[in-house]
Amino acid sequence: WNFTTEPVAEPGPGGVLVKTLYLSLDPAMR
């Protein structure tokens, strides 16, 4: 894995910006 950081951008027309609260970790990810 690489751990990266980038600035957050405003959404464009029709777009949405979501703050992640919880992520699902699943066997399929492998």
Full PDB file with SEQRES, HELIX, SHEET, SSBOND, CRYST1, ORIGX, SCALE, CONECT and MASTER records, all heavy atoms in Angstrom:
SEQRES   1 A   30  TRP ASN PHE THR THR GLU PRO VAL ALA GLU PRO GLY PRO          
SEQRES   2 A   30  GLY GLY VAL LEU VAL LYS THR LEU TYR LEU SER LEU ASP          
SEQRES   3 A   30  PRO ALA MET ARG                                              
HELIX    1 AA1 PRO A   27  MET A   29  5                                   3    
CRYST1    1.000    1.000    1.000  90.00  90.00  90.00 P 1           1          
ORIGX1      1.000000  0.000000  0.000000        0.00000                         
ORIGX2      0.000000  1.000000  0.000000        0.00000                         
ORIGX3      0.000000  0.000000  1.000000        0.00000                         
SCALE1      1.000000  0.000000  0.000000        0.00000                         
SCALE2      0.000000  1.000000  0.000000        0.00000                         
SCALE3      0.000000  0.000000  1.000000        0.00000                         
ATOM      1  N   TRP A   1       0.824  -1.217   0.000  1.00  0.00           N  
ATOM      2  CA  TRP A   1       0.000   0.000   0.000  1.00  0.00           C  
ATOM      3  C   TRP A   1       0.848   1.253   0.000  1.00  0.00           C  
ATOM      4  O   TRP A   1       1.932   1.292   0.587  1.00  0.00           O  
ATOM      5  CB  TRP A   1      -0.914   0.015   1.231  1.00  0.00           C  
ATOM      6  CG  TRP A   1      -1.728  -1.228   1.377  1.00  0.00           C  
ATOM      7  CD1 TRP A   1      -1.508  -2.268   2.234  1.00  0.00           C  
ATOM      8  CD2 TRP A   1      -2.870  -1.596   0.591  1.00  0.00           C  
ATOM      9  NE1 TRP A   1      -2.453  -3.243   2.046  1.00  0.00           N  
ATOM     10  CE2 TRP A   1      -3.305  -2.865   1.049  1.00  0.00           C  
ATOM     11  CE3 TRP A   1      -3.579  -0.969  -0.431  1.00  0.00           C  
ATOM     12  CZ2 TRP A   1      -4.403  -3.515   0.509  1.00  0.00           C  
ATOM     13  CZ3 TRP A   1      -4.679  -1.610  -0.973  1.00  0.00           C  
ATOM     14  CH2 TRP A   1      -5.079  -2.871  -0.504  1.00  0.00           C  
ATOM     15  N   ASN A   2       0.338   2.303  -0.627  1.00  0.00           N  
ATOM     16  CA  ASN A   2       0.913   3.642  -0.545  1.00  0.00           C  
ATOM     17  C   ASN A   2      -0.071   4.542   0.191  1.00  0.00           C  
ATOM     18  O   ASN A   2      -1.287   4.494  -0.075  1.00  0.00           O  
ATOM     19  CB  ASN A   2       1.148   4.235  -1.946  1.00  0.00           C  
ATOM     20  CG  ASN A   2       2.522   3.883  -2.485  1.00  0.00           C  
ATOM     21  OD1 ASN A   2       3.436   3.578  -1.727  1.00  0.00           O  
ATOM     22  ND2 ASN A   2       2.661   3.936  -3.802  1.00  0.00           N  
ATOM     23  N   PHE A   3       0.450   5.347   1.097  1.00  0.00           N  
ATOM     24  CA  PHE A   3      -0.366   6.291   1.857  1.00  0.00           C  
ATOM     25  C   PHE A   3      -0.128   7.678   1.269  1.00  0.00           C  
ATOM     26  O   PHE A   3       0.995   8.175   1.304  1.00  0.00           O  
ATOM     27  CB  PHE A   3       0.016   6.253   3.338  1.00  0.00           C  
ATOM     28  CG  PHE A   3      -0.238   4.920   3.983  1.00  0.00           C  
ATOM     29  CD1 PHE A   3       0.610   3.835   3.758  1.00  0.00           C  
ATOM     30  CD2 PHE A   3      -1.334   4.733   4.810  1.00  0.00           C  
ATOM     31  CE1 PHE A   3       0.365   2.596   4.337  1.00  0.00           C  
ATOM     32  CE2 PHE A   3      -1.582   3.500   5.396  1.00  0.00           C  
ATOM     33  CZ  PHE A   3      -0.730   2.436   5.158  1.00  0.00           C  
ATOM     34  N   THR A   4      -1.156   8.287   0.702  1.00  0.00           N  
ATOM     35  CA  THR A   4      -1.003   9.561   0.018  1.00  0.00           C  
ATOM     36  C   THR A   4      -1.952  10.595   0.597  1.00  0.00           C  
ATOM     37  O   THR A   4      -2.940  10.265   1.260  1.00  0.00           O  
ATOM     38  CB  THR A   4      -1.276   9.412  -1.497  1.00  0.00           C  
ATOM     39  OG1 THR A   4      -2.622   8.947  -1.690  1.00  0.00           O  
ATOM     40  CG2 THR A   4      -0.312   8.412  -2.134  1.00  0.00           C  
ATOM     41  N   THR A   5      -1.629  11.860   0.340  1.00  0.00           N  
ATOM     42  CA  THR A   5      -2.457  12.987   0.780  1.00  0.00           C  
ATOM     43  C   THR A   5      -2.619  13.951  -0.376  1.00  0.00           C  
ATOM     44  O   THR A   5      -1.647  14.247  -1.073  1.00  0.00           O  
ATOM     45  CB  THR A   5      -1.807  13.718   1.974  1.00  0.00           C  
ATOM     46  OG1 THR A   5      -1.537  12.780   3.017  1.00  0.00           O  
ATOM     47  CG2 THR A   5      -2.723  14.812   2.512  1.00  0.00           C  
ATOM     48  N   GLU A   6      -3.852  14.410  -0.578  1.00  0.00           N  
ATOM     49  CA  GLU A   6      -4.090  15.406  -1.623  1.00  0.00           C  
ATOM     50  C   GLU A   6      -5.168  16.365  -1.140  1.00  0.00           C  
ATOM     51  O   GLU A   6      -5.975  16.029  -0.258  1.00  0.00           O  
ATOM     52  CB  GLU A   6      -4.493  14.748  -2.942  1.00  0.00           C  
ATOM     53  CG  GLU A   6      -5.772  13.957  -2.914  1.00  0.00           C  
ATOM     54  CD  GLU A   6      -6.109  13.334  -4.266  1.00  0.00           C  
ATOM     55  OE1 GLU A   6      -5.200  12.888  -4.988  1.00  0.00           O  
ATOM     56  OE2 GLU A   6      -7.317  13.292  -4.584  1.00  0.00           O  
ATOM     57  N   PRO A   7      -5.216  17.572  -1.690  1.00  0.00           N  
ATOM     58  CA  PRO A   7      -6.247  18.522  -1.261  1.00  0.00           C  
ATOM     59  C   PRO A   7      -7.638  18.076  -1.705  1.00  0.00           C  
ATOM     60  O   PRO A   7      -7.783  17.349  -2.688  1.00  0.00           O  
ATOM     61  CB  PRO A   7      -5.834  19.829  -1.955  1.00  0.00           C  
ATOM     62  CG  PRO A   7      -4.938  19.424  -3.085  1.00  0.00           C  
ATOM     63  CD  PRO A   7      -4.275  18.157  -2.660  1.00  0.00           C  
ATOM     64  N   VAL A   8      -8.640  18.500  -0.958  1.00  0.00           N  
ATOM     65  CA  VAL A   8     -10.030  18.196  -1.286  1.00  0.00           C  
ATOM     66  C   VAL A   8     -10.560  19.296  -2.203  1.00  0.00           C  
ATOM     67  O   VAL A   8     -10.304  20.484  -1.979  1.00  0.00           O  
ATOM     68  CB  VAL A   8     -10.883  18.101  -0.006  1.00  0.00           C  
ATOM     69  CG1 VAL A   8     -12.351  17.871  -0.333  1.00  0.00           C  
ATOM     70  CG2 VAL A   8     -10.360  16.972   0.879  1.00  0.00           C  
ATOM     71  N   ALA A   9     -11.297  18.901  -3.249  1.00  0.00           N  
ATOM     72  CA  ALA A   9     -11.841  19.861  -4.199  1.00  0.00           C  
ATOM     73  C   ALA A   9     -13.353  19.992  -4.033  1.00  0.00           C  
ATOM     74  O   ALA A   9     -14.029  19.072  -3.560  1.00  0.00           O  
ATOM     75  CB  ALA A   9     -11.505  19.428  -5.629  1.00  0.00           C  
ATOM     76  N   GLU A  10     -13.873  21.135  -4.435  1.00  0.00           N  
ATOM     77  CA  GLU A  10     -15.317  21.365  -4.439  1.00  0.00           C  
ATOM     78  C   GLU A  10     -15.951  20.542  -5.565  1.00  0.00           C  
ATOM     79  O   GLU A  10     -15.345  20.372  -6.629  1.00  0.00           O  
ATOM     80  CB  GLU A  10     -15.618  22.850  -4.685  1.00  0.00           C  
ATOM     81  CG  GLU A  10     -15.167  23.773  -3.578  1.00  0.00           C  
ATOM     82  CD  GLU A  10     -16.221  23.962  -2.503  1.00  0.00           C  
ATOM     83  OE1 GLU A  10     -17.265  23.282  -2.568  1.00  0.00           O  
ATOM     84  OE2 GLU A  10     -15.989  24.793  -1.601  1.00  0.00           O  
ATOM     85  N   PRO A  11     -17.164  20.041  -5.375  1.00  0.00           N  
ATOM     86  CA  PRO A  11     -17.826  19.317  -6.465  1.00  0.00           C  
ATOM     87  C   PRO A  11     -18.231  20.253  -7.596  1.00  0.00           C  
ATOM     88  O   PRO A  11     -18.592  21.413  -7.362  1.00  0.00           O  
ATOM     89  CB  PRO A  11     -19.051  18.694  -5.789  1.00  0.00           C  
ATOM     90  CG  PRO A  11     -19.313  19.553  -4.593  1.00  0.00           C  
ATOM     91  CD  PRO A  11     -17.983  20.076  -4.147  1.00  0.00           C  
ATOM     92  N   GLY A  12     -18.181  19.726  -8.832  1.00  0.00           N  
ATOM     93  CA  GLY A  12     -18.660  20.469  -9.975  1.00  0.00           C  
ATOM     94  C   GLY A  12     -20.154  20.265 -10.157  1.00  0.00           C  
ATOM     95  O   GLY A  12     -20.805  19.610  -9.323  1.00  0.00           O  
ATOM     96  N   PRO A  13     -20.728  20.807 -11.232  1.00  0.00           N  
ATOM     97  CA  PRO A  13     -22.167  20.655 -11.478  1.00  0.00           C  
ATOM     98  C   PRO A  13     -22.599  19.188 -11.459  1.00  0.00           C  
ATOM     99  O   PRO A  13     -22.003  18.347 -12.136  1.00  0.00           O  
ATOM    100  CB  PRO A  13     -22.350  21.257 -12.874  1.00  0.00           C  
ATOM    101  CG  PRO A  13     -21.220  22.236 -13.003  1.00  0.00           C  
ATOM    102  CD  PRO A  13     -20.075  21.619 -12.270  1.00  0.00           C  
ATOM    103  N   GLY A  14     -23.599  18.862 -10.635  1.00  0.00           N  
ATOM    104  CA  GLY A  14     -24.101  17.490 -10.537  1.00  0.00           C  
ATOM    105  C   GLY A  14     -23.289  16.605  -9.615  1.00  0.00           C  
ATOM    106  O   GLY A  14     -23.653  15.450  -9.371  1.00  0.00           O  
ATOM    107  N   GLY A  15     -22.185  17.133  -9.081  1.00  0.00           N  
ATOM    108  CA  GLY A  15     -21.291  16.330  -8.244  1.00  0.00           C  
ATOM    109  C   GLY A  15     -21.620  16.423  -6.764  1.00  0.00           C  
ATOM    110  O   GLY A  15     -22.378  17.294  -6.317  1.00  0.00           O  
ATOM    111  N   VAL A  16     -21.016  15.510  -5.984  1.00  0.00           N  
ATOM    112  CA  VAL A  16     -21.250  15.437  -4.542  1.00  0.00           C  
ATOM    113  C   VAL A  16     -19.919  15.148  -3.838  1.00  0.00           C  
ATOM    114  O   VAL A  16     -19.119  14.341  -4.324  1.00  0.00           O  
ATOM    115  CB  VAL A  16     -22.254  14.307  -4.196  1.00  0.00           C  
ATOM    116  CG1 VAL A  16     -22.524  14.258  -2.702  1.00  0.00           C  
ATOM    117  CG2 VAL A  16     -23.564  14.479  -4.954  1.00  0.00           C  
ATOM    118  N   LEU A  17     -19.683  15.818  -2.709  1.00  0.00           N  
ATOM    119  CA  LEU A  17     -18.513  15.528  -1.878  1.00  0.00           C  
ATOM    120  C   LEU A  17     -18.984  14.875  -0.586  1.00  0.00           C  
ATOM    121  O   LEU A  17     -19.829  15.430   0.122  1.00  0.00           O  
ATOM    122  CB  LEU A  17     -17.730  16.806  -1.569  1.00  0.00           C  
ATOM    123  CG  LEU A  17     -16.497  16.626  -0.670  1.00  0.00           C  
ATOM    124  CD1 LEU A  17     -15.423  15.777  -1.343  1.00  0.00           C  
ATOM    125  CD2 LEU A  17     -15.921  17.998  -0.277  1.00  0.00           C  
ATOM    126  N   VAL A  18     -18.441  13.696  -0.302  1.00  0.00           N  
ATOM    127  CA  VAL A  18     -18.865  12.923   0.867  1.00  0.00           C  
ATOM    128  C   VAL A  18     -17.699  12.757   1.841  1.00  0.00           C  
ATOM    129  O   VAL A  18     -16.575  12.421   1.430  1.00  0.00           O  
ATOM    130  CB  VAL A  18     -19.371  11.520   0.438  1.00  0.00           C  
ATOM    131  CG1 VAL A  18     -19.803  10.704   1.657  1.00  0.00           C  
ATOM    132  CG2 VAL A  18     -20.522  11.640  -0.555  1.00  0.00           C  
ATOM    133  N   LYS A  19     -17.967  12.995   3.107  1.00  0.00           N  
ATOM    134  CA  LYS A  19     -17.003  12.691   4.171  1.00  0.00           C  
ATOM    135  C   LYS A  19     -17.232  11.252   4.595  1.00  0.00           C  
ATOM    136  O   LYS A  19     -18.329  10.877   5.013  1.00  0.00           O  
ATOM    137  CB  LYS A  19     -17.203  13.626   5.358  1.00  0.00           C  
ATOM    138  CG  LYS A  19     -16.261  13.338   6.532  1.00  0.00           C  
ATOM    139  CD  LYS A  19     -16.551  14.249   7.715  1.00  0.00           C  
ATOM    140  CE  LYS A  19     -15.615  13.946   8.884  1.00  0.00           C  
ATOM    141  NZ  LYS A  19     -15.887  14.821  10.047  1.00  0.00           N  
ATOM    142  N   THR A  20     -16.200  10.421   4.480  1.00  0.00           N  
ATOM    143  CA  THR A  20     -16.319   9.005   4.815  1.00  0.00           C  
ATOM    144  C   THR A  20     -16.377   8.828   6.327  1.00  0.00           C  
ATOM    145  O   THR A  20     -15.537   9.361   7.058  1.00  0.00           O  
ATOM    146  CB  THR A  20     -15.113   8.223   4.260  1.00  0.00           C  
ATOM    147  OG1 THR A  20     -15.001   8.467   2.863  1.00  0.00           O  
ATOM    148  CG2 THR A  20     -15.261   6.734   4.511  1.00  0.00           C  
ATOM    149  N   LEU A  21     -17.369   8.089   6.785  1.00  0.00           N  
ATOM    150  CA  LEU A  21     -17.493   7.775   8.212  1.00  0.00           C  
ATOM    151  C   LEU A  21     -17.083   6.329   8.497  1.00  0.00           C  
ATOM    152  O   LEU A  21     -16.291   6.069   9.408  1.00  0.00           O  
ATOM    153  CB  LEU A  21     -18.927   8.033   8.681  1.00  0.00           C  
ATOM    154  CG  LEU A  21     -19.419   9.472   8.533  1.00  0.00           C  
ATOM    155  CD1 LEU A  21     -20.890   9.573   8.933  1.00  0.00           C  
ATOM    156  CD2 LEU A  21     -18.568  10.437   9.364  1.00  0.00           C  
ATOM    157  N   TYR A  22     -17.620   5.396   7.721  1.00  0.00           N  
ATOM    158  CA  TYR A  22     -17.323   3.972   7.917  1.00  0.00           C  
ATOM    159  C   TYR A  22     -17.090   3.309   6.562  1.00  0.00           C  
ATOM    160  O   TYR A  22     -17.787   3.618   5.591  1.00  0.00           O  
ATOM    161  CB  TYR A  22     -18.483   3.251   8.611  1.00  0.00           C  
ATOM    162  CG  TYR A  22     -18.807   3.741   9.997  1.00  0.00           C  
ATOM    163  CD1 TYR A  22     -19.818   4.685  10.198  1.00  0.00           C  
ATOM    164  CD2 TYR A  22     -18.112   3.267  11.111  1.00  0.00           C  
ATOM    165  CE1 TYR A  22     -20.137   5.134  11.475  1.00  0.00           C  
ATOM    166  CE2 TYR A  22     -18.418   3.721  12.389  1.00  0.00           C  
ATOM    167  CZ  TYR A  22     -19.425   4.643  12.568  1.00  0.00           C  
ATOM    168  OH  TYR A  22     -19.727   5.087  13.828  1.00  0.00           O  
ATOM    169  N   LEU A  23     -16.155   2.366   6.523  1.00  0.00           N  
ATOM    170  CA  LEU A  23     -15.895   1.581   5.320  1.00  0.00           C  
ATOM    171  C   LEU A  23     -16.142   0.102   5.596  1.00  0.00           C  
ATOM    172  O   LEU A  23     -15.855  -0.396   6.686  1.00  0.00           O  
ATOM    173  CB  LEU A  23     -14.452   1.760   4.837  1.00  0.00           C  
ATOM    174  CG  LEU A  23     -14.092   3.133   4.267  1.00  0.00           C  
ATOM    175  CD1 LEU A  23     -12.586   3.213   4.008  1.00  0.00           C  
ATOM    176  CD2 LEU A  23     -14.874   3.419   2.989  1.00  0.00           C  
ATOM    177  N   SER A  24     -16.652  -0.571   4.595  1.00  0.00           N  
ATOM    178  CA  SER A  24     -16.890  -2.008   4.676  1.00  0.00           C  
ATOM    179  C   SER A  24     -15.636  -2.749   4.233  1.00  0.00           C  
ATOM    180  O   SER A  24     -15.123  -2.520   3.130  1.00  0.00           O  
ATOM    181  CB  SER A  24     -18.065  -2.366   3.753  1.00  0.00           C  
ATOM    182  OG  SER A  24     -18.263  -3.759   3.719  1.00  0.00           O  
ATOM    183  N   LEU A  25     -15.123  -3.634   5.091  1.00  0.00           N  
ATOM    184  CA  LEU A  25     -13.979  -4.479   4.727  1.00  0.00           C  
ATOM    185  C   LEU A  25     -14.502  -5.893   4.489  1.00  0.00           C  
ATOM    186  O   LEU A  25     -15.140  -6.484   5.355  1.00  0.00           O  
ATOM    187  CB  LEU A  25     -12.910  -4.478   5.824  1.00  0.00           C  
ATOM    188  CG  LEU A  25     -12.338  -3.113   6.211  1.00  0.00           C  
ATOM    189  CD1 LEU A  25     -11.074  -3.289   7.053  1.00  0.00           C  
ATOM    190  CD2 LEU A  25     -12.041  -2.239   4.997  1.00  0.00           C  
ATOM    191  N   ASP A  26     -14.231  -6.418   3.299  1.00  0.00           N  
ATOM    192  CA  ASP A  26     -14.836  -7.670   2.866  1.00  0.00           C  
ATOM    193  C   ASP A  26     -13.805  -8.601   2.245  1.00  0.00           C  
ATOM    194  O   ASP A  26     -12.844  -8.139   1.618  1.00  0.00           O  
ATOM    195  CB  ASP A  26     -15.931  -7.385   1.831  1.00  0.00           C  
ATOM    196  CG  ASP A  26     -17.030  -6.499   2.396  1.00  0.00           C  
ATOM    197  OD1 ASP A  26     -17.800  -6.992   3.231  1.00  0.00           O  
ATOM    198  OD2 ASP A  26     -17.096  -5.312   2.019  1.00  0.00           O  
ATOM    199  N   PRO A  27     -14.002  -9.923   2.374  1.00  0.00           N  
ATOM    200  CA  PRO A  27     -13.064 -10.875   1.763  1.00  0.00           C  
ATOM    201  C   PRO A  27     -12.869 -10.656   0.260  1.00  0.00           C  
ATOM    202  O   PRO A  27     -11.788 -10.892  -0.275  1.00  0.00           O  
ATOM    203  CB  PRO A  27     -13.720 -12.231   2.038  1.00  0.00           C  
ATOM    204  CG  PRO A  27     -14.542 -12.008   3.270  1.00  0.00           C  
ATOM    205  CD  PRO A  27     -15.045 -10.605   3.167  1.00  0.00           C  
ATOM    206  N   ALA A  28     -13.912 -10.194  -0.423  1.00  0.00           N  
ATOM    207  CA  ALA A  28     -13.813  -9.982  -1.871  1.00  0.00           C  
ATOM    208  C   ALA A  28     -12.710  -9.005  -2.233  1.00  0.00           C  
ATOM    209  O   ALA A  28     -12.185  -9.037  -3.364  1.00  0.00           O  
ATOM    210  CB  ALA A  28     -15.150  -9.479  -2.410  1.00  0.00           C  
ATOM    211  N   MET A  29     -12.322  -8.137  -1.308  1.00  0.00           N  
ATOM    212  CA  MET A  29     -11.275  -7.152  -1.598  1.00  0.00           C  
ATOM    213  C   MET A  29      -9.974  -7.828  -2.007  1.00  0.00           C  
ATOM    214  O   MET A  29      -9.209  -7.285  -2.805  1.00  0.00           O  
ATOM    215  CB  MET A  29     -11.053  -6.244  -0.381  1.00  0.00           C  
ATOM    216  CG  MET A  29     -12.267  -5.400  -0.029  1.00  0.00           C  
ATOM    217  SD  MET A  29     -12.072  -4.546   1.557  1.00  0.00           S  
ATOM    218  CE  MET A  29     -11.638  -2.909   0.984  1.00  0.00           C  
ATOM    219  N   ARG A  30      -9.730  -9.015  -1.451  1.00  0.00           N  
ATOM    220  CA  ARG A  30      -8.484  -9.717  -1.795  1.00  0.00           C  
ATOM    221  C   ARG A  30      -8.461 -10.077  -3.280  1.00  0.00           C  
ATOM    222  O   ARG A  30      -7.421  -9.955  -3.955  1.00  0.00           O  
ATOM    223  CB  ARG A  30      -8.329 -10.980  -0.924  1.00  0.00           C  
ATOM    224  CG  ARG A  30      -7.056 -11.768  -1.191  1.00  0.00           C  
ATOM    225  CD  ARG A  30      -5.806 -10.939  -0.900  1.00  0.00           C  
ATOM    226  NE  ARG A  30      -4.591 -11.633  -1.324  1.00  0.00           N  
ATOM    227  CZ  ARG A  30      -4.096 -11.597  -2.563  1.00  0.00           C  
ATOM    228  NH1 ARG A  30      -4.745 -10.919  -3.513  1.00  0.00           N  
ATOM    229  NH2 ARG A  30      -2.992 -12.223  -2.856  1.00  0.00           N  
TER     230      ARG A  30                                                      
MASTER        0    0    0    1    0    0    0    6  229    1    0    3          
END                                                                             
